[in-house]
Protein backbone atom coordinates (compact mmCIF):
# COMPACT_ATOMS: atom_id res chain seq x y z
CA MET A 1 38.46 -45.71 104.06
CA THR A 2 38.89 -43.91 107.37
CA VAL A 3 35.82 -41.74 107.86
CA PRO A 4 36.49 -38.55 109.87
CA GLU A 5 34.17 -37.21 112.53
CA THR A 6 30.90 -35.84 111.20
CA VAL A 7 31.13 -32.66 113.30
CA ALA A 8 34.14 -31.34 115.19
CA LEU A 9 35.66 -28.18 116.66
CA ASP A 10 39.12 -26.93 115.71
CA ASP A 11 39.55 -24.34 118.42
CA GLU A 12 43.06 -23.41 117.36
CA THR A 13 41.91 -22.08 114.01
CA GLY A 14 38.42 -21.13 115.19
CA ALA A 15 36.62 -23.47 112.81
CA LEU A 16 33.63 -25.79 112.76
CA VAL A 17 34.82 -28.83 110.83
CA ILE A 18 32.14 -30.93 109.11
CA ILE A 19 31.83 -33.60 106.46
CA ASP A 20 30.02 -32.04 103.52
CA GLN A 21 27.18 -34.55 103.29
CA THR A 22 25.95 -33.11 99.99
CA LYS A 23 29.08 -34.60 98.35
CA LEU A 24 28.60 -38.14 99.65
CA PRO A 25 29.02 -40.88 98.62
CA GLY A 26 31.20 -39.73 95.74
CA GLU A 27 33.54 -37.47 97.69
CA MET A 28 34.60 -37.31 101.34
CA LYS A 29 35.06 -33.55 101.62
CA LEU A 30 35.78 -31.72 104.87
CA LEU A 31 34.63 -28.13 105.28
CA ARG A 32 36.29 -25.74 107.72
CA LEU A 33 33.74 -23.05 108.53
CA THR A 34 34.71 -19.90 110.42
CA LYS A 35 32.04 -17.38 109.37
CA GLN A 36 28.55 -17.43 110.87
CA GLU A 37 26.89 -17.10 107.47
CA ASP A 38 28.78 -20.18 106.26
CA ILE A 39 27.70 -22.18 109.32
CA TRP A 40 24.10 -21.05 108.82
CA ARG A 41 24.27 -22.05 105.16
CA ALA A 42 25.78 -25.44 106.02
CA ILE A 43 22.80 -26.21 108.27
CA TYR A 44 20.23 -24.89 105.80
CA THR A 45 21.66 -26.65 102.73
CA LEU A 46 22.12 -29.96 104.61
CA GLN A 47 25.90 -29.99 104.41
CA VAL A 48 25.45 -30.93 108.05
CA ARG A 49 22.15 -32.66 108.85
CA GLY A 50 20.49 -35.03 111.30
CA ALA A 51 19.00 -33.69 114.52
CA PRO A 52 21.95 -34.52 116.87
CA ALA A 53 24.58 -33.31 114.38
CA ILE A 54 22.68 -30.07 113.76
CA GLY A 55 22.59 -29.43 117.52
CA VAL A 56 26.32 -30.05 117.89
CA ALA A 57 27.13 -27.84 114.90
CA ALA A 58 24.96 -25.03 116.27
CA ALA A 59 26.61 -25.24 119.70
CA ILE A 60 30.08 -25.04 118.15
CA GLY A 61 28.95 -22.24 115.84
CA LEU A 62 27.59 -20.18 118.72
CA TYR A 63 30.78 -20.69 120.72
CA LEU A 64 32.80 -19.47 117.73
CA ALA A 65 30.53 -16.42 117.47
CA ALA A 66 31.09 -15.67 121.16
CA LYS A 67 34.82 -16.09 120.73
CA GLU A 68 34.86 -13.30 118.15
CA ILE A 69 33.01 -10.77 120.34
CA LYS A 70 35.48 -8.16 121.60
CA CYS A 71 34.18 -6.33 124.64
CA ASP A 72 34.33 -6.39 128.45
CA ASP A 73 30.72 -5.47 129.27
CA PHE A 74 28.35 -8.41 129.66
CA GLY A 75 25.32 -6.45 128.44
CA GLU A 76 27.02 -5.64 125.15
CA PHE A 77 28.48 -9.16 124.91
CA TYR A 78 25.13 -10.83 125.52
CA ALA A 79 23.27 -8.66 123.01
CA ARG A 80 25.67 -9.71 120.26
CA PHE A 81 25.69 -13.31 121.51
CA LYS A 82 21.87 -13.43 121.44
CA SER A 83 21.85 -12.00 117.92
CA ALA A 84 24.17 -14.81 116.79
CA LYS A 85 21.96 -17.37 118.53
CA ASP A 86 18.80 -16.10 116.83
CA TYR A 87 20.56 -16.11 113.46
CA LEU A 88 21.63 -19.74 113.74
CA ALA A 89 18.18 -20.73 115.03
CA SER A 90 16.63 -19.42 111.81
CA ALA A 91 18.49 -21.95 109.65
CA ARG A 92 15.88 -24.73 109.99
CA PRO A 93 12.51 -24.75 111.77
CA THR A 94 11.72 -28.41 112.53
CA ALA A 95 14.63 -30.14 114.34
CA VAL A 96 14.23 -29.38 118.04
CA ASN A 97 17.88 -30.24 118.78
CA LEU A 98 18.93 -27.06 117.00
CA PHE A 99 17.03 -24.93 119.50
CA TRP A 100 17.86 -27.21 122.45
CA ALA A 101 21.62 -26.87 121.87
CA LEU A 102 21.43 -23.11 121.34
CA ASP A 103 19.35 -22.74 124.53
CA ARG A 104 21.94 -24.73 126.48
CA MET A 105 24.68 -22.41 125.28
CA ASP A 106 22.49 -19.41 126.10
CA GLY A 107 21.91 -20.76 129.60
CA ALA A 108 25.65 -21.24 130.13
CA ALA A 109 26.23 -17.59 129.25
CA LEU A 110 23.47 -16.24 131.48
CA GLU A 111 24.40 -18.41 134.46
CA ASN A 112 27.88 -16.92 134.40
CA ALA A 113 26.96 -13.32 133.66
CA HIS A 114 28.85 -12.15 136.76
CA LYS A 115 32.16 -13.55 135.51
CA PRO A 116 34.72 -11.94 133.18
CA ILE A 117 33.96 -12.24 129.47
CA ALA A 118 37.12 -14.29 128.86
CA GLU A 119 35.98 -16.84 131.43
CA ILE A 120 32.49 -16.97 129.94
CA LYS A 121 34.01 -17.82 126.56
CA THR A 122 35.99 -20.65 128.17
CA LEU A 123 32.84 -21.96 129.82
CA LEU A 124 30.96 -21.79 126.51
CA ARG A 125 33.67 -23.89 124.90
CA ALA A 126 33.30 -26.40 127.74
CA GLU A 127 29.53 -26.49 127.21
CA ALA A 128 29.96 -27.17 123.48
CA ALA A 129 32.46 -29.92 124.29
CA ALA A 130 30.01 -31.42 126.78
CA ILE A 131 27.27 -31.49 124.15
CA ILE A 132 29.62 -33.38 121.81
CA GLU A 133 30.59 -35.98 124.44
CA GLU A 134 27.00 -36.37 125.59
CA ASP A 135 25.90 -37.04 122.03
CA ILE A 136 28.30 -40.00 121.79
CA SER A 137 27.18 -41.38 125.16
CA VAL A 138 23.48 -40.84 124.45
CA CYS A 139 23.61 -42.55 121.06
CA LYS A 140 25.45 -45.56 122.50
CA SER A 141 22.82 -45.88 125.23
CA ILE A 142 20.05 -45.71 122.64
CA GLY A 143 21.87 -48.49 120.83
CA GLU A 144 21.98 -50.64 123.96
CA HIS A 145 18.25 -50.24 124.62
CA GLY A 146 17.35 -50.73 120.96
CA LEU A 147 19.48 -53.86 120.65
CA GLY A 148 17.36 -55.47 123.34
CA LEU A 149 14.35 -55.26 121.01
CA ILE A 150 15.82 -57.30 118.13
CA LYS A 151 17.50 -60.64 117.53
CA ASP A 152 20.53 -61.86 115.62
CA GLY A 153 19.78 -62.55 111.96
CA GLN A 154 16.66 -60.40 111.72
CA GLY A 155 15.81 -58.13 108.83
CA ILE A 156 15.59 -54.46 109.80
CA LEU A 157 14.26 -51.66 107.65
CA THR A 158 15.42 -48.09 108.15
CA TYR A 159 14.46 -44.81 106.56
CA CYS A 160 16.43 -41.62 105.84
CA ASN A 161 19.77 -41.44 107.69
CA ALA A 162 19.95 -41.66 111.46
CA GLY A 163 23.45 -43.09 111.68
CA ARG A 164 26.89 -41.69 112.27
CA PHE A 165 26.43 -38.97 109.62
CA ALA A 166 23.45 -37.67 111.63
CA ALA A 167 25.39 -37.52 114.89
CA VAL A 168 28.95 -37.48 116.23
CA LYS A 169 29.13 -41.29 116.46
CA TYR A 170 26.76 -44.28 116.22
CA GLY A 171 23.68 -42.20 115.42
CA THR A 172 20.23 -43.01 116.81
CA ALA A 173 18.28 -45.48 114.67
CA LEU A 174 21.46 -47.18 113.44
CA ALA A 175 23.04 -47.38 116.90
CA PRO A 176 21.46 -50.78 117.71
CA ILE A 177 22.73 -52.10 114.37
CA TYR A 178 26.27 -50.83 114.97
CA LEU A 179 26.45 -52.22 118.50
CA GLY A 180 25.04 -55.55 117.34
CA HIS A 181 27.57 -55.69 114.51
CA GLU A 182 30.41 -55.04 116.99
CA ARG A 183 29.16 -58.04 119.01
CA GLY A 184 28.92 -60.42 116.09
CA TYR A 185 25.23 -60.07 115.21
CA ASN A 186 24.35 -60.53 111.56
CA PHE A 187 21.46 -58.28 110.66
CA LYS A 188 20.07 -57.83 107.16
CA ILE A 189 19.40 -54.13 106.66
CA TYR A 190 16.94 -52.75 104.11
CA THR A 191 17.61 -49.10 103.43
CA CYS A 192 14.97 -46.93 101.76
CA GLU A 193 16.45 -44.46 99.29
CA THR A 194 14.48 -41.57 100.88
CA ARG A 195 13.37 -39.24 98.11
CA PRO A 196 13.93 -36.50 97.19
CA LEU A 197 17.33 -35.94 98.85
CA LEU A 198 18.33 -39.63 98.94
CA GLN A 199 19.74 -39.68 102.47
CA GLY A 200 19.17 -43.42 102.60
CA ALA A 201 20.83 -44.16 99.26
CA ARG A 202 23.71 -41.71 99.64
CA LEU A 203 24.39 -41.80 103.38
CA THR A 204 22.91 -44.82 105.18
CA ALA A 205 23.89 -47.29 102.47
CA PHE A 206 27.37 -45.77 102.32
CA GLU A 207 28.09 -45.87 106.04
CA LEU A 208 26.68 -49.36 106.57
CA CYS A 209 28.60 -50.79 103.60
CA GLU A 210 31.73 -49.05 104.86
CA LYS A 211 31.32 -51.01 108.11
CA GLY A 212 30.76 -54.29 106.28
CA ILE A 213 27.11 -54.63 107.35
CA ASP A 214 24.76 -56.59 105.07
CA THR A 215 22.80 -53.79 103.36
CA THR A 216 20.20 -53.81 100.60
CA LEU A 217 19.03 -50.53 99.06
CA ILE A 218 15.38 -50.31 97.99
CA CYS A 219 13.26 -47.62 96.39
CA ASP A 220 10.80 -46.00 98.78
CA ASN A 221 7.82 -47.49 96.96
CA MET A 222 9.14 -51.05 97.49
CA VAL A 223 8.52 -51.04 101.26
CA SER A 224 5.16 -52.83 101.10
CA GLN A 225 6.53 -55.63 98.93
CA ILE A 226 9.59 -56.13 101.16
CA MET A 227 7.41 -56.27 104.26
CA LYS A 228 4.84 -58.58 102.68
CA SER A 229 7.62 -61.00 101.67
CA GLY A 230 8.55 -61.50 105.34
CA ARG A 231 12.05 -60.08 105.04
CA VAL A 232 11.55 -57.36 107.66
CA GLN A 233 11.08 -58.08 111.38
CA ALA A 234 11.50 -54.51 112.70
CA VAL A 235 11.64 -50.89 111.55
CA PHE A 236 14.01 -48.38 113.15
CA THR A 237 13.86 -44.67 112.35
CA GLY A 238 15.21 -41.53 113.93
CA CYS A 239 13.22 -38.34 114.36
CA ASP A 240 13.64 -34.58 114.57
CA ARG A 241 10.99 -33.90 117.19
CA VAL A 242 8.74 -35.93 119.49
CA ALA A 243 5.61 -34.20 120.75
CA ALA A 244 4.29 -34.62 124.29
CA ASN A 245 1.71 -37.19 123.13
CA GLY A 246 4.31 -39.32 121.30
CA ASP A 247 3.69 -38.08 117.75
CA ALA A 248 7.07 -38.15 115.98
CA CYS A 249 8.21 -35.82 113.20
CA ASN A 250 10.78 -37.29 110.83
CA LYS A 251 11.90 -37.15 107.22
CA ILE A 252 9.06 -37.07 104.70
CA GLY A 253 7.84 -40.61 103.98
CA THR A 254 8.33 -41.98 107.49
CA SER A 255 4.63 -41.95 108.31
CA GLY A 256 3.89 -44.05 105.24
CA VAL A 257 6.42 -46.65 106.37
CA ALA A 258 4.73 -46.68 109.79
CA VAL A 259 1.30 -47.27 108.24
CA LEU A 260 2.64 -50.23 106.27
CA ALA A 261 4.42 -51.65 109.32
CA LYS A 262 1.14 -51.48 111.26
CA HIS A 263 -0.67 -53.27 108.44
CA TYR A 264 1.87 -56.11 108.32
CA GLY A 265 2.24 -56.41 112.10
CA ILE A 266 5.88 -55.28 112.15
CA PRO A 267 7.11 -53.31 115.19
CA PHE A 268 7.94 -49.68 114.38
CA TYR A 269 10.55 -48.12 116.68
CA VAL A 270 11.47 -44.44 116.86
CA CYS A 271 14.94 -43.74 118.27
CA ALA A 272 15.25 -40.33 119.90
CA PRO A 273 17.47 -38.66 122.48
CA VAL A 274 15.52 -37.15 125.37
CA SER A 275 16.64 -33.76 123.99
CA THR A 276 14.45 -34.44 120.94
CA ILE A 277 11.30 -34.77 123.07
CA ASP A 278 9.52 -31.41 123.09
CA LYS A 279 7.13 -31.33 126.02
CA ALA A 280 6.02 -27.83 125.00
CA THR A 281 4.56 -29.23 121.77
CA PRO A 282 1.29 -31.02 122.62
CA ASN A 283 0.98 -33.06 119.42
CA GLY A 284 2.22 -33.38 115.87
CA ASP A 285 -0.21 -30.81 114.51
CA ALA A 286 1.68 -28.13 116.44
CA ILE A 287 5.03 -28.89 114.77
CA THR A 288 6.23 -26.47 112.09
CA ILE A 289 6.95 -28.51 108.96
CA GLU A 290 9.75 -27.21 106.78
CA GLU A 291 9.07 -26.83 103.06
CA ARG A 292 12.08 -26.81 100.77
CA PRO A 293 12.77 -25.62 97.20
CA GLY A 294 11.06 -27.52 94.40
CA GLU A 295 14.36 -27.87 92.54
CA GLU A 296 15.30 -30.63 94.99
CA VAL A 297 12.56 -32.72 93.35
CA THR A 298 12.90 -31.70 89.70
CA ASP A 299 16.59 -30.94 89.10
CA MET A 300 19.00 -31.98 91.84
CA TRP A 301 19.90 -35.51 90.72
CA TYR A 302 19.28 -35.19 86.98
CA LYS A 303 21.43 -34.11 84.07
CA ASN A 304 18.34 -32.52 82.59
CA ARG A 305 15.24 -31.34 84.41
CA MET A 306 12.87 -34.32 84.86
CA ALA A 307 9.55 -32.45 85.10
CA PRO A 308 7.84 -29.93 82.81
CA GLU A 309 8.43 -26.25 83.41
CA GLY A 310 5.54 -24.60 85.21
CA VAL A 311 4.32 -27.67 87.08
CA LYS A 312 3.58 -27.00 90.75
CA ILE A 313 5.97 -28.64 93.23
CA TYR A 314 5.20 -29.57 96.82
CA ASN A 315 8.39 -30.43 98.71
CA SER A 316 7.66 -30.99 102.39
CA ALA A 317 10.82 -32.00 104.24
CA PHE A 318 9.05 -33.85 107.08
CA ASP A 319 5.87 -35.62 108.06
CA VAL A 320 4.40 -36.63 111.41
CA THR A 321 3.93 -40.26 112.43
CA CYS A 322 0.92 -40.62 114.71
CA HIS A 323 1.76 -42.06 118.14
CA GLU A 324 -0.76 -44.85 117.55
CA LEU A 325 1.53 -46.27 114.85
CA ILE A 326 4.66 -46.28 117.04
CA THR A 327 5.43 -49.49 118.92
CA ALA A 328 7.99 -47.84 121.21
CA ILE A 329 10.25 -44.80 121.50
CA VAL A 330 13.85 -45.72 122.30
CA THR A 331 15.74 -43.12 124.37
CA GLU A 332 19.04 -43.14 126.23
CA ARG A 333 17.11 -43.53 129.49
CA GLY A 334 15.11 -46.54 128.37
CA VAL A 335 12.29 -47.64 126.09
CA LEU A 336 9.01 -45.72 126.27
CA TYR A 337 5.74 -47.51 125.59
CA PRO A 338 2.16 -46.26 125.12
CA PRO A 339 0.42 -44.34 126.46
CA TYR A 340 3.20 -41.90 125.58
CA SER A 341 1.58 -38.94 127.31
CA ASP A 342 2.19 -40.85 130.56
CA SER A 343 5.59 -42.40 129.80
CA ILE A 344 7.00 -39.11 128.50
CA ARG A 345 5.67 -37.21 131.51
CA ILE A 346 7.20 -39.77 133.92
CA LEU A 347 10.51 -39.66 132.01
């Protein structure tokens, strides 16, 4: 199967083109989104997901919003542009790449406020295109640095999906695995299913199998047994935000994997573009954690509801892994080691 790009711009028809990840692995469905409310909904409902992919989608979405603004006065243009930016920013609260990409587009508009509106729109398209190309380059560099931390034949455990479906290409946590595979390495990958939305089972397992990479799917509660058996030599995860002290926010369940890795003496690596590091957030306690509808736990994957009516549901989308549990943070500029407050500041 030829897998299309996760996120793309069709400028001719004015559409954001995405793979609908809620349909995977059963159906490879492309969505062509032209309305801002549909782009917002795609981000909120996880039709497009993963920190890098969300950022790219938001940048394209904001460019398309700017393209539709019909006026010659920058003040009027910018007011409507800013409204579109704020609307897209409200889709999800945790992934810093969403806000980073929107701020980059905002900066491109303000820096060129003295130019004709038509030229500003062209420059906004160029900025969105640059974000796309940078994502590919950044993820490949993360892969190069991460590959230097592991050896051929090792067992690697990963959580959630931080592969090509979470980015334009390669992904973050799966980038070392993809690059190693291209060079003849034979890794054994253990993929946690990642309840309740099953990003590991539906997305990571699918994309790795599609590439012919040795992949074993496990339930989330099997991590301790797999580690204890000696099958895992490293853990690679992505993340949605890194605080200034090195605390890393990622899909719910990641911190538990980190605790187990610490117990068994297995290195735990967080793969993150520099754009995911939020120096304005001092530590993990300051990160807003998204809570999602309880139906994702009780109904989404079942023919009949699997829990009694009236039971309380807590459905946190993310948790924070304490910096003390993280062996290293792998970025496109190199590998960061503790103390992270220093290494992040120097970076």
